[in-house]
Amino acid sequence: MGRSKALAAGSDAGAGHGSQGRRRGPVRGHPQAARGALVDGWNAVRQARPEASQVMLAHTRADVAALNQLARGRMRDAGAVGEDQVVQTGRGERTFAPGTG
């Protein structure tokens, strides 16, 4: 099973490992816990190395939405983004939050 499928299934078999096989963080139990652990790890690196480029992978659009919501909450808690603004696009309403830094 690939990493993103393992994450979506809530398994820690193959999920949470970097391309060199290094463990990125604990990914166990329920998918919500796995997503929370992934975002916590992302947020820790984001704060420690703001110049570094990072990516989070997800298996489904629902997982992408959940990860984005969690990440936006962490950034909002840290004061890195402002309040949400709703913008009408060709694909319907989209919510954006302006950066503060």
N, C-alpha and C. Protein backbone atom coordinates (compact mmCIF):
# COMPACT_ATOMS: atom_id res chain seq x y z
N MET A 1 0.86 -1.17 0.00
CA MET A 1 0.00 0.00 0.00
C MET A 1 0.90 1.23 0.00
N GLY A 2 0.58 2.22 -0.84
CA GLY A 2 1.35 3.46 -0.89
C GLY A 2 1.14 4.31 0.35
N ARG A 3 2.02 5.28 0.54
CA ARG A 3 1.96 6.11 1.74
C ARG A 3 0.64 6.86 1.86
N SER A 4 0.17 7.48 0.77
CA SER A 4 -1.06 8.26 0.88
C SER A 4 -2.27 7.35 1.12
N LYS A 5 -2.29 6.16 0.52
CA LYS A 5 -3.39 5.23 0.77
C LYS A 5 -3.35 4.73 2.20
N ALA A 6 -2.14 4.48 2.72
CA ALA A 6 -2.01 4.03 4.10
C ALA A 6 -2.50 5.11 5.05
N LEU A 7 -2.18 6.36 4.75
CA LEU A 7 -2.64 7.47 5.58
C LEU A 7 -4.17 7.56 5.55
N ALA A 8 -4.74 7.47 4.36
CA ALA A 8 -6.19 7.55 4.23
C ALA A 8 -6.88 6.42 4.98
N ALA A 9 -6.24 5.24 5.00
CA ALA A 9 -6.82 4.08 5.67
C ALA A 9 -6.55 4.08 7.17
N GLY A 10 -5.71 5.03 7.63
CA GLY A 10 -5.41 5.10 9.06
C GLY A 10 -4.33 4.13 9.48
N SER A 11 -3.65 3.53 8.53
CA SER A 11 -2.60 2.57 8.83
C SER A 11 -1.26 3.28 8.97
N ASP A 12 -0.36 2.72 9.77
CA ASP A 12 0.97 3.31 9.81
C ASP A 12 1.96 2.49 8.99
N ALA A 13 1.47 1.52 8.24
CA ALA A 13 2.34 0.71 7.38
C ALA A 13 2.68 1.51 6.13
N GLY A 14 3.85 2.09 6.11
CA GLY A 14 4.30 2.84 4.94
C GLY A 14 3.95 4.30 4.98
N ALA A 15 3.08 4.73 5.85
CA ALA A 15 2.73 6.15 5.93
C ALA A 15 3.68 6.84 6.89
N GLY A 16 3.90 8.12 6.65
CA GLY A 16 4.71 8.91 7.55
C GLY A 16 6.20 8.73 7.36
N HIS A 17 6.62 8.12 6.27
CA HIS A 17 8.04 7.95 6.00
C HIS A 17 8.45 8.86 4.86
N GLY A 18 9.65 9.40 4.93
CA GLY A 18 10.19 10.22 3.85
C GLY A 18 10.70 9.35 2.72
N SER A 19 11.18 10.01 1.67
CA SER A 19 11.63 9.26 0.49
C SER A 19 12.83 8.37 0.78
N GLN A 20 13.61 8.68 1.82
CA GLN A 20 14.74 7.83 2.19
C GLN A 20 14.34 6.84 3.28
N GLY A 21 13.06 6.70 3.57
CA GLY A 21 12.59 5.75 4.56
C GLY A 21 12.67 6.26 5.99
N ARG A 22 12.98 7.55 6.17
CA ARG A 22 13.03 8.10 7.52
C ARG A 22 11.62 8.36 8.01
N ARG A 23 11.38 8.04 9.24
CA ARG A 23 10.07 8.26 9.84
C ARG A 23 9.86 9.75 10.04
N ARG A 24 8.76 10.29 9.56
CA ARG A 24 8.45 11.70 9.69
C ARG A 24 7.66 11.99 10.95
N GLY A 25 7.01 11.00 11.50
CA GLY A 25 6.22 11.20 12.70
C GLY A 25 5.28 10.03 12.89
N PRO A 26 4.69 9.92 14.06
CA PRO A 26 3.81 8.79 14.32
C PRO A 26 2.51 8.91 13.52
N VAL A 27 2.14 7.85 12.86
CA VAL A 27 0.88 7.81 12.12
C VAL A 27 0.21 6.51 12.50
N ARG A 28 -0.66 6.58 13.49
CA ARG A 28 -1.31 5.37 14.00
C ARG A 28 -2.78 5.63 14.25
N GLY A 29 -3.54 4.57 14.25
CA GLY A 29 -4.92 4.64 14.68
C GLY A 29 -5.86 5.24 13.66
N HIS A 30 -6.76 6.02 14.16
CA HIS A 30 -7.84 6.61 13.37
C HIS A 30 -7.30 7.62 12.35
N PRO A 31 -7.92 7.72 11.17
CA PRO A 31 -7.46 8.68 10.16
C PRO A 31 -7.37 10.12 10.69
N GLN A 32 -8.28 10.52 11.58
CA GLN A 32 -8.20 11.87 12.14
C GLN A 32 -6.93 12.06 12.94
N ALA A 33 -6.53 11.04 13.69
CA ALA A 33 -5.28 11.11 14.46
C ALA A 33 -4.08 11.15 13.52
N ALA A 34 -4.14 10.39 12.44
CA ALA A 34 -3.05 10.38 11.46
C ALA A 34 -2.92 11.75 10.80
N ARG A 35 -4.04 12.35 10.42
CA ARG A 35 -3.99 13.68 9.81
C ARG A 35 -3.45 14.70 10.81
N GLY A 36 -3.89 14.62 12.06
CA GLY A 36 -3.39 15.53 13.08
C GLY A 36 -1.90 15.41 13.29
N ALA A 37 -1.38 14.17 13.30
CA ALA A 37 0.05 13.95 13.45
C ALA A 37 0.82 14.49 12.25
N LEU A 38 0.28 14.31 11.06
CA LEU A 38 0.92 14.83 9.85
C LEU A 38 1.00 16.35 9.89
N VAL A 39 -0.09 17.01 10.24
CA VAL A 39 -0.11 18.47 10.30
C VAL A 39 0.77 18.98 11.43
N ASP A 40 0.79 18.29 12.56
CA ASP A 40 1.67 18.70 13.66
C ASP A 40 3.13 18.67 13.22
N GLY A 41 3.53 17.62 12.52
CA GLY A 41 4.90 17.53 12.02
C GLY A 41 5.21 18.62 11.02
N TRP A 42 4.28 18.84 10.09
CA TRP A 42 4.43 19.91 9.10
C TRP A 42 4.58 21.26 9.79
N ASN A 43 3.74 21.52 10.78
CA ASN A 43 3.76 22.80 11.48
C ASN A 43 5.06 23.00 12.25
N ALA A 44 5.57 21.96 12.87
CA ALA A 44 6.82 22.07 13.62
C ALA A 44 7.98 22.45 12.69
N VAL A 45 8.04 21.81 11.52
CA VAL A 45 9.10 22.14 10.57
C VAL A 45 8.86 23.52 9.98
N ARG A 46 7.62 23.88 9.71
CA ARG A 46 7.30 25.20 9.16
C ARG A 46 7.79 26.30 10.09
N GLN A 47 7.61 26.11 11.38
CA GLN A 47 8.04 27.12 12.34
C GLN A 47 9.55 27.11 12.55
N ALA A 48 10.17 25.93 12.56
CA ALA A 48 11.60 25.82 12.80
C ALA A 48 12.42 26.26 11.58
N ARG A 49 11.91 25.98 10.39
CA ARG A 49 12.63 26.31 9.16
C ARG A 49 11.69 26.94 8.15
N PRO A 50 11.31 28.20 8.38
CA PRO A 50 10.31 28.84 7.50
C PRO A 50 10.76 28.96 6.04
N GLU A 51 12.06 28.89 5.78
CA GLU A 51 12.56 28.99 4.41
C GLU A 51 12.46 27.65 3.67
N ALA A 52 12.24 26.57 4.40
CA ALA A 52 12.20 25.24 3.79
C ALA A 52 10.88 25.02 3.05
N SER A 53 10.97 24.27 1.98
CA SER A 53 9.79 23.91 1.20
C SER A 53 9.24 22.59 1.74
N GLN A 54 7.94 22.50 1.88
CA GLN A 54 7.32 21.28 2.40
C GLN A 54 6.10 20.93 1.58
N VAL A 55 5.70 19.68 1.71
CA VAL A 55 4.49 19.22 1.03
C VAL A 55 3.82 18.16 1.90
N MET A 56 2.50 18.16 1.89
CA MET A 56 1.73 17.10 2.53
C MET A 56 0.96 16.41 1.41
N LEU A 57 0.95 15.09 1.44
CA LEU A 57 0.24 14.33 0.42
C LEU A 57 -1.01 13.71 1.02
N ALA A 58 -2.04 13.63 0.21
CA ALA A 58 -3.30 13.05 0.66
C ALA A 58 -3.86 12.16 -0.45
N HIS A 59 -4.63 11.19 -0.05
CA HIS A 59 -5.18 10.23 -1.01
C HIS A 59 -6.48 10.72 -1.66
N THR A 60 -7.32 11.38 -0.91
CA THR A 60 -8.62 11.81 -1.43
C THR A 60 -8.78 13.32 -1.27
N ARG A 61 -9.73 13.88 -2.00
CA ARG A 61 -10.03 15.31 -1.86
C ARG A 61 -10.53 15.63 -0.46
N ALA A 62 -11.24 14.69 0.13
CA ALA A 62 -11.71 14.89 1.51
C ALA A 62 -10.52 14.98 2.46
N ASP A 63 -9.49 14.15 2.23
CA ASP A 63 -8.28 14.22 3.05
C ASP A 63 -7.57 15.55 2.83
N VAL A 64 -7.50 16.02 1.57
CA VAL A 64 -6.88 17.31 1.27
C VAL A 64 -7.60 18.42 2.04
N ALA A 65 -8.94 18.41 1.99
CA ALA A 65 -9.71 19.44 2.68
C ALA A 65 -9.47 19.40 4.19
N ALA A 66 -9.43 18.20 4.75
CA ALA A 66 -9.21 18.05 6.20
C ALA A 66 -7.81 18.54 6.57
N LEU A 67 -6.79 18.18 5.78
CA LEU A 67 -5.43 18.63 6.06
C LEU A 67 -5.32 20.14 5.94
N ASN A 68 -5.94 20.70 4.90
CA ASN A 68 -5.91 22.16 4.72
C ASN A 68 -6.57 22.87 5.90
N GLN A 69 -7.69 22.35 6.35
CA GLN A 69 -8.39 22.96 7.48
C GLN A 69 -7.52 22.93 8.75
N LEU A 70 -6.90 21.78 9.01
CA LEU A 70 -6.03 21.67 10.17
C LEU A 70 -4.82 22.59 10.06
N ALA A 71 -4.20 22.61 8.87
CA ALA A 71 -3.02 23.46 8.66
C ALA A 71 -3.38 24.93 8.80
N ARG A 72 -4.51 25.32 8.24
CA ARG A 72 -4.93 26.72 8.35
C ARG A 72 -5.18 27.09 9.82
N GLY A 73 -5.74 26.18 10.58
CA GLY A 73 -5.95 26.43 12.01
C GLY A 73 -4.64 26.62 12.75
N ARG A 74 -3.64 25.78 12.43
CA ARG A 74 -2.32 25.92 13.09
C ARG A 74 -1.70 27.26 12.72
N MET A 75 -1.82 27.64 11.44
CA MET A 75 -1.24 28.92 11.00
C MET A 75 -1.98 30.10 11.62
N ARG A 76 -3.31 29.97 11.74
CA ARG A 76 -4.08 31.04 12.35
C ARG A 76 -3.72 31.18 13.83
N ASP A 77 -3.57 30.06 14.53
CA ASP A 77 -3.17 30.08 15.94
C ASP A 77 -1.82 30.76 16.13
N ALA A 78 -0.92 30.61 15.14
CA ALA A 78 0.41 31.21 15.21
C ALA A 78 0.43 32.65 14.71
N GLY A 79 -0.73 33.15 14.23
CA GLY A 79 -0.80 34.51 13.73
C GLY A 79 -0.23 34.69 12.33
N ALA A 80 -0.07 33.58 11.59
CA ALA A 80 0.53 33.64 10.26
C ALA A 80 -0.47 33.93 9.15
N VAL A 81 -1.76 33.75 9.41
CA VAL A 81 -2.80 34.09 8.43
C VAL A 81 -3.92 34.85 9.12
N GLY A 82 -4.58 35.67 8.31
CA GLY A 82 -5.70 36.46 8.82
C GLY A 82 -7.01 35.69 8.74
N GLU A 83 -8.09 36.42 8.88
CA GLU A 83 -9.42 35.82 8.84
C GLU A 83 -9.77 35.38 7.42
N ASP A 84 -10.59 34.35 7.32
CA ASP A 84 -11.03 33.84 6.02
C ASP A 84 -11.80 34.91 5.25
N GLN A 85 -11.60 34.89 3.94
CA GLN A 85 -12.35 35.74 3.03
C GLN A 85 -12.94 34.85 1.95
N VAL A 86 -14.23 34.98 1.69
CA VAL A 86 -14.91 34.18 0.68
C VAL A 86 -14.85 34.93 -0.65
N VAL A 87 -14.40 34.21 -1.70
CA VAL A 87 -14.27 34.78 -3.04
C VAL A 87 -15.07 33.91 -4.00
N GLN A 88 -15.87 34.56 -4.85
CA GLN A 88 -16.63 33.84 -5.86
C GLN A 88 -15.72 33.56 -7.04
N THR A 89 -15.58 32.29 -7.42
CA THR A 89 -14.74 31.91 -8.56
C THR A 89 -15.60 31.20 -9.59
N GLY A 90 -15.01 30.85 -10.71
CA GLY A 90 -15.70 30.10 -11.75
C GLY A 90 -16.15 28.73 -11.28
N ARG A 91 -15.56 28.23 -10.22
CA ARG A 91 -15.92 26.92 -9.66
C ARG A 91 -16.74 27.07 -8.38
N GLY A 92 -17.28 28.23 -8.14
CA GLY A 92 -18.07 28.45 -6.94
C GLY A 92 -17.30 29.23 -5.90
N GLU A 93 -17.86 29.28 -4.71
CA GLU A 93 -17.21 30.03 -3.63
C GLU A 93 -15.97 29.31 -3.14
N ARG A 94 -14.92 30.07 -2.91
CA ARG A 94 -13.67 29.54 -2.34
C ARG A 94 -13.30 30.42 -1.14
N THR A 95 -12.69 29.82 -0.17
CA THR A 95 -12.29 30.54 1.02
C THR A 95 -10.77 30.68 1.03
N PHE A 96 -10.31 31.91 1.21
CA PHE A 96 -8.89 32.21 1.28
C PHE A 96 -8.60 32.97 2.55
N ALA A 97 -7.38 32.86 3.04
CA ALA A 97 -6.96 33.59 4.21
C ALA A 97 -5.64 34.28 3.87
N PRO A 98 -5.60 35.61 3.96
CA PRO A 98 -4.36 36.31 3.62
C PRO A 98 -3.27 36.06 4.65
N GLY A 99 -2.02 35.96 4.15
CA GLY A 99 -0.88 35.82 5.05
C GLY A 99 -0.62 37.13 5.78
N THR A 100 -0.04 37.04 6.95
CA THR A 100 0.23 38.24 7.74
C THR A 100 1.71 38.57 7.79
N GLY A 101 2.54 37.73 7.24
CA GLY A 101 3.98 37.96 7.37
C GLY A 101 4.63 38.03 6.09
